[in-house]
């Protein structure tokens, strides 16, 4: 029993250490924060970009959608393109607007995702993909700034967790070659 408990504790530590190796809140003040994720991904830059924009409905968590179904998500990877979600009643949500799209290299979007959408903030989410050998270094930075009653610091850890989950799901989806 003691050996099993030690194994479980070591396993939990390794999982958390793996997550922390590429995730960090780089800055946090009363008016904003930045979260950053970085990891070497075992796919080419062009494939990774394709997974990012074409397959968002397959790697994004349905728990972090308004409709309850990630299949309702889409990204139009062009200037003024929409990271949008269809709602079952014919409605929809614009999560973010694409402000820079460079296939295989970078996708930058503007907007507040989830509950940030209802706050007086601006968010810039940037995916940078750099070739390293036959692999890709994927860096995701999300910076939020503006007025948040009670200060932005309270949101930094929450956003880090939610965006980090999506980042991990994207990396996992891309590396499985789907």
Protein backbone atom coordinates (compact mmCIF):
# COMPACT_ATOMS: atom_id res chain seq x y z
CA UNK A 1 0.00 0.00 0.00
CA UNK A 2 2.82 2.40 0.90
CA UNK A 3 4.55 1.68 -2.45
CA UNK A 4 1.36 2.44 -4.40
CA UNK A 5 0.92 5.73 -2.53
CA UNK A 6 4.53 6.70 -3.23
CA UNK A 7 4.05 5.85 -6.92
CA UNK A 8 0.89 7.99 -7.11
CA UNK A 9 2.64 10.94 -5.42
CA UNK A 10 5.60 10.68 -7.83
CA UNK A 11 3.24 10.44 -10.80
CA UNK A 12 1.31 13.55 -9.69
CA UNK A 13 4.60 15.42 -9.19
CA UNK A 14 5.80 14.45 -12.69
CA UNK A 15 2.54 15.55 -14.28
CA UNK A 16 2.65 18.91 -12.49
CA UNK A 17 6.33 19.36 -13.30
CA UNK A 18 5.60 18.66 -16.97
CA UNK A 19 2.85 21.30 -17.01
CA UNK A 20 5.01 23.85 -15.21
CA UNK A 21 7.87 23.30 -17.64
CA UNK A 22 6.01 25.26 -20.27
CA UNK A 23 3.51 27.44 -18.40
CA UNK A 24 3.97 30.63 -16.46
CA UNK A 25 2.19 33.83 -15.48
CA UNK A 26 4.92 36.20 -16.67
CA UNK A 27 3.41 39.37 -15.22
CA UNK A 28 0.43 40.37 -13.12
CA UNK A 29 -0.71 43.80 -11.93
CA UNK A 30 -4.00 45.32 -10.86
CA UNK A 31 -4.71 46.31 -14.49
CA UNK A 32 -3.57 43.24 -16.40
CA UNK A 33 -1.51 40.09 -16.73
CA UNK A 34 0.30 37.89 -19.22
CA UNK A 35 0.38 34.10 -19.36
CA UNK A 36 2.86 32.25 -21.54
CA UNK A 37 3.20 28.63 -22.65
CA UNK A 38 6.05 27.17 -24.65
CA UNK A 39 6.91 23.67 -25.76
CA UNK A 40 8.67 21.80 -28.54
CA UNK A 41 6.00 19.96 -30.53
CA UNK A 42 6.73 16.86 -32.59
CA UNK A 43 5.19 18.10 -35.87
CA UNK A 44 6.18 20.48 -38.65
CA UNK A 45 5.22 24.17 -38.42
CA UNK A 46 2.74 23.91 -41.31
CA UNK A 47 1.03 20.88 -39.76
CA UNK A 48 0.85 22.57 -36.36
CA UNK A 49 -0.71 25.71 -37.84
CA UNK A 50 -3.26 23.58 -39.67
CA UNK A 51 -4.17 21.72 -36.47
CA UNK A 52 -4.47 25.06 -34.66
CA UNK A 53 -6.91 26.70 -37.06
CA UNK A 54 -8.68 23.85 -38.83
CA UNK A 55 -9.15 21.45 -35.92
CA UNK A 56 -10.05 23.78 -33.04
CA UNK A 57 -13.35 21.96 -32.57
CA UNK A 58 -11.42 18.74 -31.98
CA UNK A 59 -8.83 19.92 -29.46
CA UNK A 60 -10.61 22.73 -27.55
CA UNK A 61 -12.36 21.54 -24.40
CA UNK A 62 -16.17 21.53 -24.71
CA UNK A 63 -16.28 22.56 -21.03
CA UNK A 64 -14.95 25.96 -22.11
CA UNK A 65 -17.60 26.77 -24.70
CA UNK A 66 -20.94 28.53 -24.41
CA UNK A 67 -22.75 25.83 -26.40
CA UNK A 68 -21.23 22.84 -24.61
CA UNK A 69 -19.81 21.52 -27.89
CA UNK A 70 -16.35 22.33 -29.22
CA UNK A 71 -17.59 21.16 -32.64
CA UNK A 72 -19.37 24.53 -32.82
CA UNK A 73 -16.04 26.41 -32.81
CA UNK A 74 -14.23 27.72 -35.87
CA UNK A 75 -11.33 30.02 -36.73
CA UNK A 76 -11.18 31.92 -39.99
CA UNK A 77 -7.39 32.41 -40.32
CA UNK A 78 -7.35 35.78 -42.10
CA UNK A 79 -7.28 39.43 -41.03
CA UNK A 80 -10.65 40.25 -39.40
CA UNK A 81 -11.44 36.52 -39.34
CA UNK A 82 -13.58 35.23 -36.54
CA UNK A 83 -12.83 32.75 -33.78
CA UNK A 84 -16.53 32.05 -33.43
CA UNK A 85 -18.99 29.62 -31.94
CA UNK A 86 -22.43 28.67 -33.21
CA UNK A 87 -25.22 28.39 -30.67
CA UNK A 88 -28.05 25.85 -31.05
CA UNK A 89 -30.76 28.53 -31.17
CA UNK A 90 -29.25 30.16 -34.27
CA UNK A 91 -27.20 32.62 -32.23
CA UNK A 92 -23.46 32.87 -32.00
CA UNK A 93 -20.43 34.11 -30.10
CA UNK A 94 -17.39 35.99 -31.39
CA UNK A 95 -14.68 34.93 -28.99
CA UNK A 96 -11.84 36.74 -30.74
CA UNK A 97 -10.97 38.49 -34.00
CA UNK A 98 -7.92 37.47 -36.03
CA UNK A 99 -5.59 40.45 -36.41
CA UNK A 100 -2.54 38.65 -37.89
CA UNK A 101 -2.39 35.34 -39.73
CA UNK A 102 0.85 34.02 -41.21
CA UNK A 103 0.39 30.30 -42.01
CA UNK A 104 2.96 28.06 -40.40
CA UNK A 105 4.41 30.94 -38.38
CA UNK A 106 1.93 32.98 -36.36
CA UNK A 107 -1.71 33.54 -35.48
CA UNK A 108 -2.68 36.58 -33.39
CA UNK A 109 -6.20 37.26 -32.16
CA UNK A 110 -7.81 40.01 -30.12
CA UNK A 111 -10.56 39.54 -27.56
CA UNK A 112 -11.47 38.36 -24.09
CA UNK A 113 -12.42 34.69 -23.94
CA UNK A 114 -15.00 33.23 -21.58
CA UNK A 115 -16.00 35.50 -18.72
CA UNK A 116 -13.34 38.05 -19.74
CA UNK A 117 -15.64 38.92 -22.63
CA UNK A 118 -17.98 40.72 -20.23
CA UNK A 119 -15.24 42.80 -18.59
CA UNK A 120 -13.75 46.11 -19.73
CA UNK A 121 -10.55 44.47 -20.98
CA UNK A 122 -8.64 43.86 -24.15
CA UNK A 123 -6.86 40.58 -24.74
CA UNK A 124 -4.20 39.69 -27.29
CA UNK A 125 -3.55 35.98 -27.85
CA UNK A 126 -0.52 35.12 -30.00
CA UNK A 127 0.55 31.70 -31.23
CA UNK A 128 4.14 31.76 -32.57
CA UNK A 129 5.46 28.68 -34.36
CA UNK A 130 9.20 28.38 -35.03
CA UNK A 131 10.88 25.53 -36.84
CA UNK A 132 13.52 23.64 -34.83
CA UNK A 133 14.90 20.82 -36.94
CA UNK A 134 11.87 18.83 -38.07
CA UNK A 135 9.88 19.98 -35.04
CA UNK A 136 8.07 23.16 -33.99
CA UNK A 137 8.47 25.39 -30.98
CA UNK A 138 4.96 26.60 -30.09
CA UNK A 139 4.73 29.69 -27.92
CA UNK A 140 1.33 30.94 -26.81
CA UNK A 141 1.14 34.31 -25.08
CA UNK A 142 -2.13 35.81 -23.83
CA UNK A 143 -2.04 39.34 -22.45
CA UNK A 144 -5.07 40.93 -20.79
CA UNK A 145 -5.30 44.61 -19.86
CA UNK A 146 -8.01 47.03 -18.81
CA UNK A 147 -10.32 47.71 -15.92
CA UNK A 148 -11.25 44.78 -13.72
CA UNK A 149 -13.08 45.51 -10.46
CA UNK A 150 -10.94 44.23 -7.60
CA UNK A 151 -7.85 43.94 -9.80
CA UNK A 152 -6.68 41.67 -12.56
CA UNK A 153 -4.40 39.53 -10.38
CA UNK A 154 -7.33 37.39 -9.26
CA UNK A 155 -7.93 36.35 -12.90
CA UNK A 156 -4.33 35.48 -13.81
CA UNK A 157 -4.26 32.00 -12.23
CA UNK A 158 -7.71 31.13 -13.61
CA UNK A 159 -6.80 32.19 -17.15
CA UNK A 160 -3.45 30.43 -16.85
CA UNK A 161 -5.26 27.20 -15.97
CA UNK A 162 -7.92 27.42 -18.69
CA UNK A 163 -5.65 28.60 -21.50
CA UNK A 164 -2.99 26.13 -20.36
CA UNK A 165 -5.50 23.31 -20.64
CA UNK A 166 -6.33 24.32 -24.22
CA UNK A 167 -2.63 24.66 -25.06
CA UNK A 168 -1.95 21.16 -23.73
CA UNK A 169 -4.90 19.76 -25.68
CA UNK A 170 -3.62 21.38 -28.91
CA UNK A 171 -0.13 19.95 -28.39
CA UNK A 172 -1.56 16.50 -27.63
CA UNK A 173 -3.90 16.58 -30.65
CA UNK A 174 -1.09 17.68 -32.99
CA UNK A 175 1.39 15.08 -31.72
CA UNK A 176 -1.11 12.25 -32.13
CA UNK A 177 -1.20 13.18 -35.82
CA UNK A 178 -4.92 13.56 -36.11
